[in-house]
Amino acid sequence: MKKRFFTTFGIFLGILIVLFGLLNKKDSDVNTIVINDNILNNFYLANRNLEDSAFIQYNNLSEIQIALVRNDYIKREVLKREALNWGLDKVDPIISSRLAQLGEQFLVNNLPNEEPSEEYLNSFYNENKHFYIDDAKVTFSHIFFRNNDEKTINDLTYYVRTQNEQFFNNNLLNKVSVFPYQKNYSQRSESFIRGHFSEKTTKEIFLLKRSSNWQGPIVSPYGLHIIKLSSISKAKQKTYDDVSDLVLKRFISERKKANLKLELEKKISSYQIIDD
């Protein structure tokens, strides 16, 4: 009887010792900061002053400088862990947002790499041809008039018809204004011109013919323009061979977005959501 008691007591004591050891190990892990040259080097590089032109490599730091880096790392680790223990990541939206970004980046970095076949990429290109079009381009100079009163319009119309420089100097030169953007446009895309002149005005510009004469006047949201158009080219569809590298990049980007969405849905489904 006594032997059984001591045996039972010994087993119970052993379990307590193991549990105590595990708990102590857990506390020890939480309060243990591992430091080595690799960790300090990464910390030093990540927190260096990018504006300091005289940057010193970690391996060339003095013992005193390394000690300062070490102290900064320990301080950062302690404060980081205490902040997490206090649950500050749950109340600070900036910390929560940054952790979410890091979590998403971790998922992205661990998504499987895909090597699509040439046939598949060709099919992807044909489905997305609208992304691979050389925009129509135009080269022109323009003279801008902020006032669009009837006399200015009539004078400009007459000047465009006659190309009479003397008339321009006498009647229009003093009315020329500074355009908010550029005076000369060289091989600019239709979308670029649209951003400066508006949709309607851009359509009118691209309807003009190449000419050494001034044309117009054309009305924009800013005022009146006469234009000397040097060159114009139509939009051109790029072939798969022209843009195969771009097709691959877009394919990988879109596939990563799709895979990330699936991975997030899996993660979300593994959580119990309680609406309180």
Protein backbone atom coordinates (compact mmCIF):
# COMPACT_ATOMS: atom_id res chain seq x y z
CA MET A 1 0.00 0.00 0.00
CA LYS A 2 2.78 2.35 1.01
CA LYS A 3 4.72 1.40 -2.14
CA ARG A 4 1.72 2.21 -4.35
CA PHE A 5 1.31 5.57 -2.61
CA PHE A 6 4.94 6.54 -3.24
CA THR A 7 4.67 5.36 -6.84
CA THR A 8 1.54 7.48 -7.42
CA PHE A 9 3.08 10.43 -5.62
CA GLY A 10 6.24 10.10 -7.74
CA ILE A 11 4.23 10.10 -10.98
CA PHE A 12 2.21 13.11 -9.84
CA LEU A 13 5.37 14.95 -8.80
CA GLY A 14 6.97 14.15 -12.16
CA ILE A 15 3.98 15.58 -14.02
CA LEU A 16 4.14 18.75 -11.93
CA ILE A 17 7.86 19.12 -12.65
CA VAL A 18 7.26 18.68 -16.39
CA LEU A 19 4.41 21.21 -16.40
CA PHE A 20 6.45 23.65 -14.35
CA GLY A 21 9.33 23.24 -16.77
CA LEU A 22 7.09 23.86 -19.79
CA LEU A 23 5.60 26.97 -18.22
CA ASN A 24 9.04 28.26 -17.29
CA LYS A 25 10.26 27.53 -20.83
CA LYS A 26 7.32 29.45 -22.27
CA ASP A 27 8.05 32.44 -20.01
CA SER A 28 11.72 32.13 -20.83
CA ASP A 29 11.00 32.13 -24.58
CA VAL A 30 8.78 35.21 -24.23
CA ASN A 31 11.46 37.09 -22.31
CA THR A 32 14.44 35.86 -24.33
CA ILE A 33 16.04 38.08 -26.94
CA VAL A 34 18.43 36.32 -29.29
CA ILE A 35 21.26 38.49 -30.60
CA ASN A 36 23.90 37.69 -33.20
CA ASP A 37 25.84 39.58 -35.85
CA ASN A 38 23.37 38.68 -38.59
CA ILE A 39 20.40 40.04 -36.59
CA LEU A 40 22.28 43.21 -35.64
CA ASN A 41 23.48 43.72 -39.22
CA ASN A 42 19.90 43.48 -40.57
CA PHE A 43 18.64 45.82 -37.84
CA TYR A 44 21.44 48.31 -38.57
CA LEU A 45 20.75 48.29 -42.32
CA ALA A 46 16.97 48.64 -41.87
CA ASN A 47 17.37 51.64 -39.55
CA ARG A 48 20.28 53.49 -41.15
CA ASN A 49 20.04 57.16 -42.06
CA LEU A 50 19.52 57.16 -45.84
CA GLU A 51 20.54 60.83 -46.03
CA ASP A 52 23.93 60.12 -44.45
CA SER A 53 26.43 60.18 -47.33
CA ALA A 54 29.18 58.66 -45.15
CA PHE A 55 27.47 55.33 -44.47
CA ILE A 56 29.68 52.77 -42.67
CA GLN A 57 29.15 49.05 -43.28
CA TYR A 58 28.27 47.03 -40.18
CA ASN A 59 31.52 45.01 -40.40
CA ASN A 60 33.51 48.27 -40.22
CA LEU A 61 31.80 49.58 -37.08
CA SER A 62 33.84 49.95 -33.91
CA GLU A 63 33.04 47.90 -30.78
CA ILE A 64 31.48 50.99 -29.20
CA GLN A 65 29.25 51.56 -32.28
CA ILE A 66 28.19 47.90 -32.33
CA ALA A 67 27.33 48.15 -28.63
CA LEU A 68 25.09 51.14 -29.39
CA VAL A 69 23.37 49.21 -32.20
CA ARG A 70 22.94 46.26 -29.81
CA ASN A 71 21.36 48.50 -27.14
CA ASP A 72 18.99 50.06 -29.69
CA TYR A 73 17.93 46.60 -30.90
CA ILE A 74 17.28 45.35 -27.34
CA LYS A 75 15.29 48.49 -26.52
CA ARG A 76 13.21 48.12 -29.71
CA GLU A 77 12.52 44.42 -29.05
CA VAL A 78 11.48 45.00 -25.44
CA LEU A 79 9.17 47.88 -26.33
CA LYS A 80 7.70 45.93 -29.26
CA ARG A 81 6.93 42.89 -27.11
CA GLU A 82 5.52 44.99 -24.28
CA ALA A 83 3.28 46.83 -26.74
CA LEU A 84 1.97 43.49 -28.03
CA ASN A 85 1.48 42.24 -24.45
CA TRP A 86 -0.54 45.34 -23.69
CA GLY A 87 -2.63 44.71 -26.80
CA LEU A 88 -1.70 48.06 -28.34
CA ASP A 89 -1.83 46.47 -31.79
CA LYS A 90 -5.58 46.05 -31.24
CA VAL A 91 -6.24 49.70 -30.35
CA ASP A 92 -3.81 51.53 -32.64
CA PRO A 93 -5.18 51.61 -36.21
CA ILE A 94 -1.72 52.35 -37.67
CA ILE A 95 -0.17 49.28 -36.03
CA SER A 96 -3.13 47.10 -36.99
CA SER A 97 -2.98 48.34 -40.58
CA ARG A 98 0.76 47.73 -40.83
CA LEU A 99 0.43 44.23 -39.37
CA ALA A 100 -2.32 43.48 -41.90
CA GLN A 101 -0.04 44.71 -44.72
CA LEU A 102 2.81 42.54 -43.46
CA GLY A 103 0.46 39.56 -43.20
CA GLU A 104 -0.72 40.08 -46.77
CA GLN A 105 2.87 40.43 -47.99
CA PHE A 106 3.78 37.20 -46.20
CA LEU A 107 0.93 35.38 -47.96
CA VAL A 108 1.98 36.86 -51.33
CA ASN A 109 5.61 35.84 -50.84
CA ASN A 110 4.55 32.28 -50.07
CA LEU A 111 2.18 31.82 -52.99
CA PRO A 112 3.29 29.11 -55.43
CA ASN A 113 5.29 30.27 -58.43
CA GLU A 114 3.71 29.50 -61.79
CA GLU A 115 5.40 28.99 -65.14
CA PRO A 116 2.68 29.39 -67.75
CA SER A 117 3.22 27.86 -71.17
CA GLU A 118 3.72 30.03 -74.26
CA GLU A 119 0.36 28.82 -75.54
CA TYR A 120 -1.38 29.91 -72.34
CA LEU A 121 0.30 33.33 -72.42
CA ASN A 122 -0.73 33.77 -76.05
CA SER A 123 -4.31 33.06 -75.07
CA PHE A 124 -4.02 35.53 -72.16
CA TYR A 125 -2.70 38.16 -74.61
CA ASN A 126 -5.63 37.64 -77.01
CA GLU A 127 -8.10 38.09 -74.14
CA ASN A 128 -6.41 41.31 -73.02
CA LYS A 129 -5.33 42.95 -76.29
CA HIS A 130 -6.74 46.30 -75.20
CA PHE A 131 -3.86 46.63 -72.72
CA TYR A 132 -1.27 46.41 -75.51
CA ILE A 133 -2.15 49.22 -77.88
CA ASP A 134 0.27 51.94 -78.93
CA ASP A 135 -1.75 55.08 -78.34
CA ALA A 136 -2.24 57.55 -81.18
CA LYS A 137 0.45 60.25 -80.99
CA VAL A 138 0.68 63.84 -82.16
CA THR A 139 3.29 66.60 -82.44
CA PHE A 140 2.15 70.22 -82.57
CA SER A 141 2.70 73.78 -81.42
CA HIS A 142 -0.17 76.03 -80.36
CA ILE A 143 -0.81 79.65 -79.54
CA PHE A 144 -3.29 80.23 -76.74
CA PHE A 145 -5.78 83.05 -76.26
CA ARG A 146 -7.61 83.19 -72.94
CA ASN A 147 -10.27 85.62 -74.20
CA ASN A 148 -12.73 84.04 -76.63
CA ASP A 149 -14.82 87.08 -77.48
CA GLU A 150 -16.36 87.42 -80.95
CA LYS A 151 -13.68 89.82 -82.27
CA THR A 152 -10.84 87.50 -81.25
CA ILE A 153 -12.59 84.55 -82.90
CA ASN A 154 -13.13 86.55 -86.11
CA ASP A 155 -9.51 87.78 -86.15
CA LEU A 156 -8.18 84.25 -85.60
CA THR A 157 -10.43 82.86 -88.31
CA TYR A 158 -9.14 85.50 -90.73
CA TYR A 159 -5.50 84.86 -89.76
CA VAL A 160 -5.83 81.08 -90.22
CA ARG A 161 -7.38 81.64 -93.66
CA THR A 162 -4.72 84.14 -94.83
CA GLN A 163 -1.66 83.21 -92.70
CA ASN A 164 -0.94 86.96 -92.75
CA GLU A 165 1.83 87.53 -90.16
CA GLN A 166 1.47 91.30 -90.31
CA PHE A 167 -2.23 91.02 -89.43
CA PHE A 168 -1.36 88.70 -86.54
CA ASN A 169 1.24 91.11 -85.15
CA ASN A 170 -1.10 94.07 -85.42
CA ASN A 171 -4.30 92.49 -84.11
CA LEU A 172 -3.54 89.31 -82.11
CA LEU A 173 -0.03 89.39 -80.69
CA ASN A 174 -1.05 91.46 -77.66
CA LYS A 175 -3.88 89.01 -76.91
CA VAL A 176 -1.65 85.90 -76.62
CA SER A 177 -1.87 84.27 -73.15
CA VAL A 178 0.20 81.71 -71.24
CA PHE A 179 -1.32 78.22 -71.39
CA PRO A 180 -1.43 76.36 -68.03
CA TYR A 181 0.53 73.43 -69.50
CA GLN A 182 2.88 73.33 -72.51
CA LYS A 183 3.33 75.37 -75.67
CA ASN A 184 4.86 72.53 -77.72
CA TYR A 185 3.84 68.86 -77.68
CA SER A 186 6.17 66.28 -79.22
CA GLN A 187 4.98 62.72 -79.88
CA ARG A 188 2.45 62.92 -77.08
CA SER A 189 -0.20 60.24 -76.69
CA GLU A 190 -3.90 60.89 -77.10
CA SER A 191 -4.47 60.20 -73.40
CA PHE A 192 -1.79 62.75 -72.47
CA ILE A 193 -3.34 65.44 -74.69
CA ARG A 194 -6.76 64.59 -73.27
CA GLY A 195 -5.45 65.36 -69.78
CA HIS A 196 -4.37 68.84 -70.92
CA PHE A 197 -7.09 69.85 -73.36
CA SER A 198 -10.21 67.78 -72.45
CA GLU A 199 -11.90 64.96 -74.37
CA LYS A 200 -13.77 67.15 -76.86
CA THR A 201 -10.81 69.37 -77.76
CA THR A 202 -8.49 66.38 -78.14
CA LYS A 203 -10.85 64.80 -80.67
CA GLU A 204 -10.76 68.02 -82.69
CA ILE A 205 -6.94 68.16 -82.57
CA PHE A 206 -6.65 64.57 -83.81
CA LEU A 207 -8.99 65.36 -86.72
CA LEU A 208 -6.55 67.98 -88.03
CA LYS A 209 -4.21 67.22 -90.95
CA ARG A 210 -0.47 67.66 -90.83
CA SER A 211 0.36 71.13 -92.14
CA SER A 212 2.95 73.88 -91.95
CA ASN A 213 0.10 76.39 -91.60
CA TRP A 214 -1.74 77.41 -88.45
CA GLN A 215 -5.16 75.75 -88.07
CA GLY A 216 -8.18 76.53 -85.93
CA PRO A 217 -9.30 78.28 -83.93
CA ILE A 218 -10.15 75.39 -81.59
CA VAL A 219 -12.01 75.94 -78.34
CA SER A 220 -10.84 74.27 -75.11
CA PRO A 221 -12.10 74.72 -71.52
CA TYR A 222 -9.36 77.34 -71.13
CA GLY A 223 -9.95 79.48 -74.21
CA LEU A 224 -8.95 79.51 -77.89
CA HIS A 225 -6.06 77.81 -79.69
CA ILE A 226 -4.54 77.94 -83.15
CA ILE A 227 -2.44 74.87 -83.90
CA LYS A 228 0.45 74.00 -86.21
CA LEU A 229 0.44 70.21 -86.46
CA SER A 230 3.75 68.58 -87.49
CA SER A 231 2.95 64.86 -87.21
CA ILE A 232 0.15 62.50 -86.25
CA SER A 233 -0.06 58.72 -85.99
CA LYS A 234 -2.98 56.37 -85.46
CA ALA A 235 -3.30 53.92 -82.57
CA LYS A 236 -1.53 50.63 -83.31
CA GLN A 237 -2.12 47.17 -81.87
CA LYS A 238 1.10 45.64 -80.55
CA THR A 239 1.76 41.99 -81.42
CA TYR A 240 2.38 39.30 -78.83
CA ASP A 241 6.06 39.18 -79.82
CA ASP A 242 6.32 42.94 -79.18
CA VAL A 243 4.99 42.67 -75.63
CA SER A 244 5.62 39.08 -74.46
CA ASP A 245 7.53 40.31 -71.38
CA LEU A 246 4.69 42.66 -70.44
CA VAL A 247 2.13 39.88 -70.97
CA LEU A 248 4.05 37.60 -68.59
CA LYS A 249 4.27 40.34 -65.93
CA ARG A 250 0.55 41.10 -66.17
CA PHE A 251 -0.31 37.40 -66.08
CA ILE A 252 1.79 36.84 -62.94
CA SER A 253 0.34 39.96 -61.29
CA GLU A 254 -3.27 39.00 -61.99
CA ARG A 255 -2.73 35.38 -61.01
CA LYS A 256 -1.15 36.47 -57.71
CA LYS A 257 -4.15 38.68 -56.98
CA ALA A 258 -6.50 35.77 -57.70
CA ASN A 259 -4.44 33.31 -55.61
CA LEU A 260 -4.16 35.81 -52.76
CA LYS A 261 -7.94 36.23 -52.76
CA LEU A 262 -8.41 32.44 -52.56
CA GLU A 263 -5.80 32.14 -49.81
CA LEU A 264 -7.45 34.91 -47.78
CA GLU A 265 -10.85 33.27 -48.19
CA LYS A 266 -9.37 30.01 -46.85
CA LYS A 267 -7.85 31.83 -43.87
CA ILE A 268 -11.08 33.69 -43.14
CA SER A 269 -13.12 30.46 -43.31
CA SER A 270 -10.84 28.93 -40.64
CA TYR A 271 -11.90 31.65 -38.15
CA GLN A 272 -15.06 31.64 -36.08
CA ILE A 273 -16.83 34.94 -36.73
CA ILE A 274 -19.13 36.06 -33.94
CA ASP A 275 -21.46 38.99 -34.58
CA ASP A 276 -22.17 40.51 -31.18
